[in-house]
Amino acid sequence: MSQKTWGGRFTGATDRRVEAFTESITIDRRLYRHDILAGQAHARMLAEVGLLTAGEADRIVVTLDKIGTDIEAGKMEFTIALEDIHTHIERALIADLGDLGRKLHTARSRNDQVITDVKLWVRDAIDDLDGLLHDVQVAFVGSAEREKDVILPGYTHLQRAQPVLAGHYFLAYAEKFERDRGRLADCRKRLNVLPLGAAALAGTSLPIDREFVRKQLGFDEVARNSLDVSSDRDFLVEFVFDLSMIALHLSGWAEEWVIWSTTEFNFVELPDAFCTGSSIMPHKKNPDVLELTRGKAGRVIGALQQLLVLIKGLPLAYNRDLQEDKAALFDAFDTVAGCLAVAAPLVAQTKLRRAVIAARIEDGFLDATTLMEGLIAHGAPMRTAHETVGKLVRRCEEAGCRLADLPAEAFEEAAPGAGDAVRKLLGTANAIAAFKSYGSTAPREVEKQLAWWQAKLTPST
């Protein structure tokens, strides 16, 4: 018998250069647990419909467990002559069981076998990522609790805009990662459709029971169209897009903290354990983990681009091009999982430099918008109030002072009869206290947000 799963049609051996060019075992061997799980479910189904005896199915299930144990123990010798992990496992099964091992592939193709294995792997990957994202959220919520009373400058265009509570700032990242978790959950629902049983592309004439396999493997539905199954990589593109969004959120956070750790900002004290030094400049403390987190986003986005180009224009049904999907998939997952694993402890151990922030918090006219809204509350049209405050800011810039340093008559002119009232809005603490809207940086709102997140992220007992 040929060592190839397709050898009967051919009279000559495969060129070694072709074996090296077409192999995927160096990449897809990490699917071995999922291939074994799917194979065991398939064997039990074949027994249910009478294509195997119950005893034969039991022998196959037990032997597959043994093969999995051998792989985990490093006892399986991988070779490019056997192409992929699926062939390695089948050949090991045949080596142990002879002709019985040759029966397992009844009513399935490598096309539906591969896509089933990959779906099982991605499903587990999503569950792992959800746990990592939860840990990052816990770290940000913990920082929000610890630093909640600190007033930070909020930025637009990297220019000082309005004051925000540090608690509000940290919780903004909890929101971003919650959306990431939601996208992954949605992706999991769409991918949790059983492909096995579609065979190569048209299904099979054998009396299989796909619903039995669905229950065995925990899928929600059975794929309706066999032709669609072997060409479908939508779920992979969706998954890697979700990974790209996580990478983008991590990259934006990393960029912010790289800036905040500079001498010019000096807002955060990064833990030594997450920084490195310079080989020539002894004073340096470099935010390398943050920089690499920022840089690795490019790899993940590149994987998404690779998958999009890979499937563009492919005709139905299976094409060998699709073998190239797993390199991008695995690298994107590994990269994001690695970034999340270091992000959680880095966030938890980083502290704000409170004194530095407080010393400059009144710079940059952070209270200007609140002053404008105060004028509006006392009857000024919005555009009039906007222009009035703009002129007051220009007056301060010319005098080298803050809004609060202007004389009382300046505010009386701006708001006749309400000068004292609007003047009391000045200063970042007063501006923070003036916020009222739901979801804002108002202290009461931040406390509500914080309590909500703490309850959400705490496991129920």
Protein backbone atom coordinates (compact mmCIF):
# COMPACT_ATOMS: atom_id res chain seq x y z
CA MET A 1 0.00 0.00 0.00
CA SER A 2 1.21 3.51 -0.78
CA GLN A 3 2.23 5.74 2.09
CA LYS A 4 0.19 8.46 0.39
CA THR A 5 -3.52 8.73 1.05
CA TRP A 6 -3.98 9.09 -2.69
CA GLY A 7 -1.30 6.74 -4.04
CA GLY A 8 -3.40 4.23 -5.97
CA ARG A 9 -3.77 6.43 -9.03
CA PHE A 10 0.00 6.95 -9.42
CA THR A 11 2.72 4.63 -10.71
CA GLY A 12 5.81 6.60 -9.70
CA ALA A 13 7.13 8.08 -6.48
CA THR A 14 6.61 11.76 -5.68
CA ASP A 15 9.64 13.92 -6.34
CA ARG A 16 11.30 14.84 -3.04
CA ARG A 17 11.27 18.46 -4.09
CA VAL A 18 7.50 18.28 -4.52
CA GLU A 19 7.15 16.64 -1.09
CA ALA A 20 9.14 19.48 0.44
CA PHE A 21 7.14 22.07 -1.48
CA THR A 22 3.69 20.70 -0.67
CA GLU A 23 4.10 19.51 2.93
CA SER A 24 2.25 21.21 5.77
CA ILE A 25 3.26 19.02 8.70
CA THR A 26 5.72 21.65 9.93
CA ILE A 27 2.73 23.96 10.49
CA ASP A 28 -0.41 21.89 11.00
CA ARG A 29 0.93 19.39 13.54
CA ARG A 30 -0.58 21.56 16.26
CA LEU A 31 -4.01 20.37 15.08
CA TYR A 32 -3.33 16.83 16.30
CA ARG A 33 -5.64 16.94 19.33
CA HIS A 34 -8.51 18.25 17.25
CA ASP A 35 -7.90 15.73 14.47
CA ILE A 36 -8.03 12.92 17.03
CA LEU A 37 -11.18 14.30 18.63
CA ALA A 38 -12.94 14.56 15.26
CA GLY A 39 -11.69 11.12 14.24
CA GLN A 40 -13.09 9.57 17.39
CA ALA A 41 -16.48 11.18 16.84
CA HIS A 42 -16.44 9.98 13.22
CA ALA A 43 -15.61 6.41 14.30
CA ARG A 44 -18.47 6.33 16.79
CA MET A 45 -20.83 7.59 14.09
CA LEU A 46 -19.68 4.92 11.65
CA ALA A 47 -20.55 2.32 14.27
CA GLU A 48 -23.96 3.92 14.86
CA VAL A 49 -24.86 3.56 11.18
CA GLY A 50 -23.39 0.09 10.79
CA LEU A 51 -20.28 0.91 8.77
CA LEU A 52 -18.15 -0.25 11.71
CA THR A 53 -18.96 -2.59 14.56
CA ALA A 54 -19.08 -1.15 18.07
CA GLY A 55 -15.95 -3.10 18.92
CA GLU A 56 -14.09 -1.74 15.91
CA ALA A 57 -15.04 1.82 16.81
CA ASP A 58 -13.88 1.28 20.39
CA ARG A 59 -10.51 -0.03 19.18
CA ILE A 60 -10.09 3.00 16.92
CA VAL A 61 -11.01 5.44 19.71
CA VAL A 62 -8.56 3.83 22.14
CA THR A 63 -5.77 3.73 19.57
CA LEU A 64 -6.30 7.38 18.66
CA ASP A 65 -5.93 8.25 22.34
CA LYS A 66 -2.64 6.32 22.38
CA ILE A 67 -1.44 8.16 19.26
CA GLY A 68 -2.26 11.47 20.92
CA THR A 69 -0.28 10.46 24.00
CA ASP A 70 2.67 9.49 21.82
CA ILE A 71 2.58 12.84 20.01
CA GLU A 72 2.51 14.72 23.32
CA ALA A 73 5.44 12.64 24.55
CA GLY A 74 7.42 13.45 21.41
CA LYS A 75 7.44 9.83 20.23
CA MET A 76 5.97 10.42 16.76
CA GLU A 77 8.51 10.95 14.02
CA PHE A 78 7.24 13.61 11.64
CA THR A 79 8.21 13.37 7.98
CA ILE A 80 7.41 15.49 4.96
CA ALA A 81 6.67 12.28 3.03
CA LEU A 82 3.40 12.07 4.97
CA GLU A 83 2.45 15.65 4.09
CA ASP A 84 0.26 16.66 7.04
CA ILE A 85 -0.88 15.81 10.55
CA HIS A 86 -3.96 14.01 9.26
CA THR A 87 -1.89 11.53 7.27
CA HIS A 88 0.54 11.01 10.15
CA ILE A 89 -2.29 10.09 12.49
CA GLU A 90 -3.96 7.82 9.92
CA ARG A 91 -0.70 6.00 9.15
CA ALA A 92 -0.04 5.50 12.87
CA LEU A 93 -3.56 4.12 13.22
CA ILE A 94 -2.99 1.72 10.33
CA ALA A 95 0.37 0.66 11.77
CA ASP A 96 -1.42 -0.39 14.98
CA LEU A 97 -4.71 -1.74 13.59
CA GLY A 98 -3.98 -2.78 10.01
CA ASP A 99 -7.05 -2.83 7.77
CA LEU A 100 -9.27 -1.57 10.59
CA GLY A 101 -7.24 1.63 10.64
CA ARG A 102 -7.91 2.02 6.92
CA LYS A 103 -11.65 2.09 7.61
CA LEU A 104 -11.67 5.34 9.62
CA HIS A 105 -11.58 7.57 6.56
CA THR A 106 -14.83 6.05 5.30
CA ALA A 107 -17.28 8.78 4.19
CA ARG A 108 -14.92 11.68 4.78
CA SER A 109 -12.37 13.61 2.75
CA ARG A 110 -9.37 15.54 3.88
CA ASN A 111 -11.35 18.57 2.72
CA ASP A 112 -14.07 18.27 5.37
CA GLN A 113 -11.61 16.69 7.82
CA VAL A 114 -9.25 19.67 7.71
CA ILE A 115 -11.96 22.30 8.02
CA THR A 116 -13.47 20.44 10.97
CA ASP A 117 -10.12 20.29 12.74
CA VAL A 118 -9.47 23.97 12.12
CA LYS A 119 -12.91 24.96 13.37
CA LEU A 120 -12.35 22.96 16.56
CA TRP A 121 -8.95 24.65 16.99
CA VAL A 122 -10.31 28.16 16.41
CA ARG A 123 -13.16 27.49 18.84
CA ASP A 124 -10.63 26.64 21.55
CA ALA A 125 -8.47 29.62 20.56
CA ILE A 126 -11.43 31.96 20.98
CA ASP A 127 -12.09 30.58 24.45
CA ASP A 128 -8.42 31.08 25.38
CA LEU A 129 -8.43 34.63 24.05
CA ASP A 130 -11.58 35.47 25.96
CA GLY A 131 -9.81 34.51 29.17
CA LEU A 132 -6.77 36.62 28.27
CA LEU A 133 -8.96 39.61 27.41
CA HIS A 134 -10.80 39.21 30.70
CA ASP A 135 -7.46 39.39 32.53
CA VAL A 136 -6.50 42.57 30.69
CA GLN A 137 -9.87 44.11 31.55
CA VAL A 138 -9.39 43.19 35.21
CA ALA A 139 -6.02 44.94 35.14
CA PHE A 140 -7.47 48.13 33.65
CA VAL A 141 -10.41 48.12 36.07
CA GLY A 142 -7.98 47.59 38.95
CA SER A 143 -5.99 50.60 37.80
CA ALA A 144 -9.22 52.60 37.51
CA GLU A 145 -10.00 51.83 41.14
CA ARG A 146 -6.47 52.59 42.34
CA GLU A 147 -6.08 55.86 40.40
CA LYS A 148 -9.71 56.99 40.19
CA ASP A 149 -9.21 60.32 42.00
CA VAL A 150 -6.38 61.51 39.73
CA ILE A 151 -7.32 64.19 37.19
CA LEU A 152 -5.67 63.67 33.82
CA PRO A 153 -5.52 65.90 30.78
CA GLY A 154 -7.66 64.41 28.03
CA TYR A 155 -6.35 64.83 24.49
CA THR A 156 -7.64 65.26 20.99
CA HIS A 157 -5.12 65.66 18.16
CA LEU A 158 -2.54 65.07 20.95
CA GLN A 159 -3.43 68.57 22.20
CA ARG A 160 -4.85 69.14 25.66
CA ALA A 161 -8.64 69.17 25.44
CA GLN A 162 -10.64 68.58 28.64
CA PRO A 163 -9.91 67.10 32.06
CA VAL A 164 -10.87 63.49 32.74
CA LEU A 165 -10.67 61.31 35.81
CA ALA A 166 -8.03 58.61 35.58
CA GLY A 167 -10.73 56.08 36.42
CA HIS A 168 -12.62 57.17 33.33
CA TYR A 169 -9.48 56.85 31.24
CA PHE A 170 -8.68 53.30 32.32
CA LEU A 171 -12.28 52.17 31.88
CA ALA A 172 -12.20 53.35 28.27
CA TYR A 173 -9.83 50.46 27.52
CA ALA A 174 -12.10 48.02 29.34
CA GLU A 175 -14.80 49.07 26.86
CA LYS A 176 -12.55 48.47 23.85
CA PHE A 177 -11.61 45.00 24.97
CA GLU A 178 -15.25 44.22 25.73
CA ARG A 179 -16.07 44.90 22.10
CA ASP A 180 -13.23 42.55 21.16
CA ARG A 181 -14.74 39.86 23.35
CA GLY A 182 -18.12 40.45 21.75
CA ARG A 183 -16.70 40.10 18.25
CA LEU A 184 -15.00 36.84 19.20
CA ALA A 185 -18.23 35.52 20.70
CA ASP A 186 -20.07 36.37 17.49
CA CYS A 187 -17.37 34.70 15.43
CA ARG A 188 -17.65 31.59 17.60
CA LYS A 189 -21.39 31.38 16.89
CA ARG A 190 -20.89 31.57 13.14
CA LEU A 191 -18.05 29.04 13.01
CA ASN A 192 -19.77 26.51 15.28
CA VAL A 193 -21.38 24.72 12.34
CA LEU A 194 -20.26 21.14 11.64
CA PRO A 195 -18.51 20.66 8.25
CA LEU A 196 -17.75 16.93 8.64
CA GLY A 197 -19.85 14.82 6.32
CA ALA A 198 -19.57 17.14 3.36
CA ALA A 199 -16.76 14.83 2.15
CA ALA A 200 -14.80 16.21 -0.79
CA LEU A 201 -17.50 18.57 -2.06
CA ALA A 202 -20.72 16.70 -2.91
CA GLY A 203 -21.42 14.68 0.23
CA THR A 204 -21.45 10.87 0.26
CA SER A 205 -23.69 7.99 -0.81
CA LEU A 206 -22.96 6.17 2.44
CA PRO A 207 -25.57 6.31 5.24
CA ILE A 208 -23.80 8.67 7.65
CA ASP A 209 -25.42 10.50 10.58
CA ARG A 210 -24.09 14.04 10.70
CA GLU A 211 -26.38 15.02 13.55
CA PHE A 212 -24.72 12.34 15.70
CA VAL A 213 -21.29 13.85 14.99
CA ARG A 214 -22.60 17.35 15.67
CA LYS A 215 -23.64 16.35 19.18
CA GLN A 216 -20.37 14.50 19.79
CA LEU A 217 -18.26 17.53 18.88
CA GLY A 218 -20.47 20.24 20.40
CA PHE A 219 -21.39 22.09 17.23
CA ASP A 220 -24.63 24.07 17.19
CA GLU A 221 -25.69 23.19 13.65
CA VAL A 222 -24.80 21.01 10.69
CA ALA A 223 -23.59 22.75 7.54
CA ARG A 224 -26.38 22.66 4.95
CA ASN A 225 -24.42 22.85 1.69
CA SER A 226 -21.57 20.42 1.07
CA LEU A 227 -20.21 22.45 -1.83
CA ASP A 228 -19.83 25.50 0.39
CA VAL A 229 -18.08 23.61 3.19
CA SER A 230 -14.75 22.77 1.59
CA SER A 231 -14.23 26.28 0.22
CA ASP A 232 -15.40 28.18 3.31
CA ARG A 233 -12.72 30.16 5.09
CA ASP A 234 -15.01 33.05 6.07
CA PHE A 235 -14.66 32.18 9.74
CA LEU A 236 -10.86 32.33 9.52
CA VAL A 237 -10.91 35.76 7.94
CA GLU A 238 -13.43 36.92 10.54
CA PHE A 239 -11.33 35.49 13.36
CA VAL A 240 -8.11 37.09 12.15
CA PHE A 241 -9.96 40.38 11.65
CA ASP A 242 -11.01 40.12 15.31
CA LEU A 243 -7.40 39.45 16.21
CA SER A 244 -6.40 42.51 14.20
CA MET A 245 -8.81 44.68 16.15
CA ILE A 246 -7.37 43.41 19.43
CA ALA A 247 -3.89 44.15 18.10
CA LEU A 248 -4.95 47.66 17.11
CA HIS A 249 -6.39 48.36 20.55
CA LEU A 250 -3.22 47.08 22.17
CA SER A 251 -1.09 49.11 19.78
CA GLY A 252 -2.95 52.35 20.52
CA TRP A 253 -2.60 51.79 24.26
CA ALA A 254 1.08 50.93 23.87
CA GLU A 255 1.74 54.06 21.81
CA GLU A 256 0.03 56.20 24.43
CA TRP A 257 2.12 54.79 27.25
CA VAL A 258 5.34 55.01 25.24
CA ILE A 259 4.63 58.73 24.97
CA TRP A 260 3.55 58.98 28.61
CA SER A 261 6.79 57.34 29.77
CA THR A 262 8.98 59.96 28.10
CA THR A 263 10.71 62.67 30.13
CA GLU A 264 8.58 65.21 28.31
CA PHE A 265 5.33 63.68 29.61
CA ASN A 266 6.53 61.60 32.57
CA PHE A 267 2.97 60.52 33.40
CA VAL A 268 3.66 56.84 34.15
CA GLU A 269 6.24 54.83 36.04
CA LEU A 270 6.69 51.60 34.10
CA PRO A 271 7.83 48.56 36.11
CA ASP A 272 11.48 47.62 35.60
CA ALA A 273 10.45 44.02 34.90
CA PHE A 274 8.74 45.14 31.69
CA CYS A 275 11.50 47.44 30.40
CA THR A 276 15.03 46.99 29.12
CA GLY A 277 18.17 49.10 29.08
CA SER A 278 20.70 50.29 26.54
CA SER A 279 23.97 48.55 25.68
CA ILE A 280 25.76 51.90 25.52
CA MET A 281 23.70 54.47 27.46
CA PRO A 282 23.61 53.45 31.13
CA HIS A 283 20.76 55.79 32.08
CA LYS A 284 18.20 54.39 29.64
CA LYS A 285 14.98 52.62 30.64
CA ASN A 286 13.30 51.64 27.40
CA PRO A 287 9.62 50.64 27.08
CA ASP A 288 10.46 47.67 24.84
CA VAL A 289 7.40 45.59 25.73
CA LEU A 290 5.14 48.45 24.72
CA GLU A 291 7.12 49.09 21.55
CA LEU A 292 7.00 45.43 20.54
CA THR A 293 3.27 45.32 21.28
CA ARG A 294 2.86 48.28 18.96
CA GLY A 295 5.07 46.69 16.31
CA LYS A 296 3.53 43.23 16.42
CA ALA A 297 0.19 44.68 15.33
CA GLY A 298 1.74 44.86 11.86
CA ARG A 299 2.20 41.07 11.80
CA VAL A 300 -1.44 40.47 12.69
CA ILE A 301 -2.73 42.96 10.13
CA GLY A 302 -0.40 41.33 7.60
CA ALA A 303 -1.93 37.92 8.36
CA LEU A 304 -5.38 39.34 7.68
CA GLN A 305 -4.19 40.77 4.37
CA GLN A 306 -2.62 37.42 3.51
CA LEU A 307 -5.90 35.57 4.08
CA LEU A 308 -7.94 38.09 2.11
CA VAL A 309 -5.63 37.80 -0.87
CA LEU A 310 -5.49 34.00 -0.49
CA ILE A 311 -9.23 33.49 -0.93
CA LYS A 312 -9.79 36.28 -3.47
CA GLY A 313 -11.08 34.78 -6.67
CA LEU A 314 -10.86 31.11 -5.65
CA PRO A 315 -13.46 29.00 -7.46
CA LEU A 316 -15.60 26.39 -5.70
CA ALA A 317 -14.84 24.09 -4.01
CA TYR A 318 -11.48 23.11 -2.47
CA ASN A 319 -8.22 24.42 -3.91
CA ARG A 320 -4.77 23.61 -2.57
CA ASP A 321 -4.15 27.32 -2.11
CA LEU A 322 -6.16 26.99 1.11
CA GLN A 323 -3.34 24.99 2.71
CA GLU A 324 -1.64 28.36 3.15
CA ASP A 325 -4.32 29.61 5.54
CA LYS A 326 -2.92 28.01 8.68
CA ALA A 327 0.44 29.80 8.74
CA ALA A 328 -1.33 33.16 8.86
CA LEU A 329 -3.93 31.90 11.33
CA PHE A 330 -1.49 30.44 13.83
CA ASP A 331 0.94 33.34 13.68
CA ALA A 332 -1.81 35.92 14.21
CA PHE A 333 -3.19 34.01 17.19
CA ASP A 334 0.23 33.43 18.77
CA THR A 335 1.15 37.08 18.36
CA VAL A 336 -2.04 38.44 19.94
CA ALA A 337 -2.07 35.88 22.74
CA GLY A 338 1.54 36.76 23.57
CA CYS A 339 0.76 40.48 23.64
CA LEU A 340 -2.25 39.99 25.91
CA ALA A 341 -0.27 37.78 28.27
CA VAL A 342 2.23 40.57 29.00
CA ALA A 343 -0.30 43.43 28.82
CA ALA A 344 -2.28 42.40 31.90
CA PRO A 345 0.62 42.39 34.39
CA LEU A 346 2.16 45.48 32.82
CA VAL A 347 -1.04 47.45 33.30
CA ALA A 348 -1.50 46.12 36.83
CA GLN A 349 2.02 47.12 37.88
CA THR A 350 2.22 50.55 36.22
CA LYS A 351 1.50 53.58 38.40
CA LEU A 352 0.67 57.15 37.50
CA ARG A 353 3.16 59.83 38.54
CA ARG A 354 0.58 61.78 40.50
CA ALA A 355 2.79 64.70 41.54
CA VAL A 356 4.06 65.29 38.00
CA ILE A 357 0.55 65.20 36.56
CA ALA A 358 -0.85 67.49 39.27
CA ALA A 359 1.92 70.04 38.77
CA ARG A 360 0.83 70.68 35.17
CA ILE A 361 -2.84 69.79 35.21
CA GLU A 362 -3.97 73.42 35.04
CA ASP A 363 -1.95 74.07 31.89
CA GLY A 364 -3.58 74.03 28.48
CA PHE A 365 -7.00 75.59 29.24
CA LEU A 366 -8.64 72.25 30.07
CA ASP A 367 -11.49 74.18 31.71
CA ALA A 368 -12.32 76.30 28.63
CA THR A 369 -15.11 74.06 27.35
CA THR A 370 -16.74 73.92 30.78
CA LEU A 371 -16.62 77.74 30.93
CA MET A 372 -18.30 77.88 27.53
CA GLU A 373 -21.05 75.52 28.71
CA GLY A 374 -21.48 77.69 31.81
CA LEU A 375 -22.13 80.70 29.59
CA ILE A 376 -24.64 78.65 27.61
CA ALA A 377 -26.40 77.64 30.81
CA HIS A 378 -26.80 81.35 31.61
CA GLY A 379 -28.46 82.11 28.31
CA ALA A 380 -25.70 82.72 25.78
CA PRO A 381 -26.10 81.12 22.34
CA MET A 382 -23.58 78.32 21.87
CA ARG A 383 -21.64 79.99 19.06
CA THR A 384 -21.54 83.28 20.96
CA ALA A 385 -20.25 81.51 24.06
CA HIS A 386 -17.68 79.65 21.98
CA GLU A 387 -16.35 82.90 20.48
CA THR A 388 -16.35 84.66 23.85
CA VAL A 389 -14.27 81.96 25.53
CA GLY A 390 -11.95 81.81 22.54
CA LYS A 391 -11.25 85.52 23.00
CA LEU A 392 -10.63 85.01 26.73
CA VAL A 393 -8.16 82.23 25.94
CA ARG A 394 -6.33 84.46 23.49
CA ARG A 395 -6.20 87.17 26.18
CA CYS A 396 -4.68 84.63 28.59
CA GLU A 397 -2.09 83.52 26.04
CA GLU A 398 -1.02 87.11 25.50
CA ALA A 399 -0.78 87.70 29.25
CA GLY A 400 0.80 84.32 30.01
CA CYS A 401 -1.88 83.36 32.52
CA ARG A 402 -4.74 80.89 33.04
CA LEU A 403 -8.45 81.57 32.73
CA ALA A 404 -8.82 81.56 36.50
CA ASP A 405 -6.24 84.36 36.73
CA LEU A 406 -8.33 86.80 34.70
CA PRO A 407 -10.01 89.62 36.66
CA ALA A 408 -13.65 89.22 37.76
CA GLU A 409 -14.86 91.89 35.35
CA ALA A 410 -13.78 89.75 32.40
CA PHE A 411 -16.36 87.14 33.37
CA GLU A 412 -19.02 89.71 34.22
CA GLU A 413 -18.64 91.11 30.73
CA ALA A 414 -18.96 87.61 29.29
CA ALA A 415 -22.00 86.75 31.39
CA PRO A 416 -23.66 89.87 32.79
CA GLY A 417 -25.15 89.11 36.20
CA ALA A 418 -23.57 85.64 36.29
CA GLY A 419 -19.86 86.41 36.29
CA ASP A 420 -19.22 84.92 39.72
CA ALA A 421 -21.20 81.79 38.89
CA VAL A 422 -19.32 80.97 35.71
CA ARG A 423 -16.00 81.84 37.29
CA LYS A 424 -16.59 79.09 39.87
CA LEU A 425 -16.43 76.57 37.06
CA LEU A 426 -12.77 77.30 36.41
CA GLY A 427 -9.94 74.96 37.36
CA THR A 428 -9.83 71.28 36.47
CA ALA A 429 -11.38 70.10 39.75
CA ASN A 430 -14.36 72.41 39.26
CA ALA A 431 -14.62 71.42 35.60
CA ILE A 432 -14.68 67.73 36.54
CA ALA A 433 -17.36 68.40 39.15
CA ALA A 434 -19.52 70.18 36.57
CA PHE A 435 -19.97 67.16 34.30
CA LYS A 436 -23.42 65.57 34.48
CA SER A 437 -24.16 63.42 31.42
CA TYR A 438 -24.47 59.65 31.46
CA GLY A 439 -21.19 57.99 30.52
CA SER A 440 -19.18 61.13 31.20
CA THR A 441 -16.18 61.67 33.42
CA ALA A 442 -18.41 63.05 36.21
CA PRO A 443 -17.28 61.52 39.53
CA ARG A 444 -20.69 59.95 40.15
CA GLU A 445 -20.73 58.48 36.67
CA VAL A 446 -17.22 57.07 37.00
CA GLU A 447 -18.16 55.44 40.31
CA LYS A 448 -21.18 53.85 38.63
CA GLN A 449 -19.07 52.66 35.69
CA LEU A 450 -16.44 51.26 38.02
CA ALA A 451 -18.99 49.38 40.12
CA TRP A 452 -20.58 47.98 36.97
CA TRP A 453 -17.27 46.70 35.63
CA GLN A 454 -16.22 45.23 38.96
CA ALA A 455 -19.49 43.30 39.17
CA LYS A 456 -19.24 42.19 35.54
CA LEU A 457 -15.68 40.89 35.78
CA THR A 458 -16.06 39.18 39.15
CA PRO A 459 -16.88 35.47 38.75
CA SER A 460 -20.26 34.54 40.19
CA THR A 461 -20.15 32.01 43.01
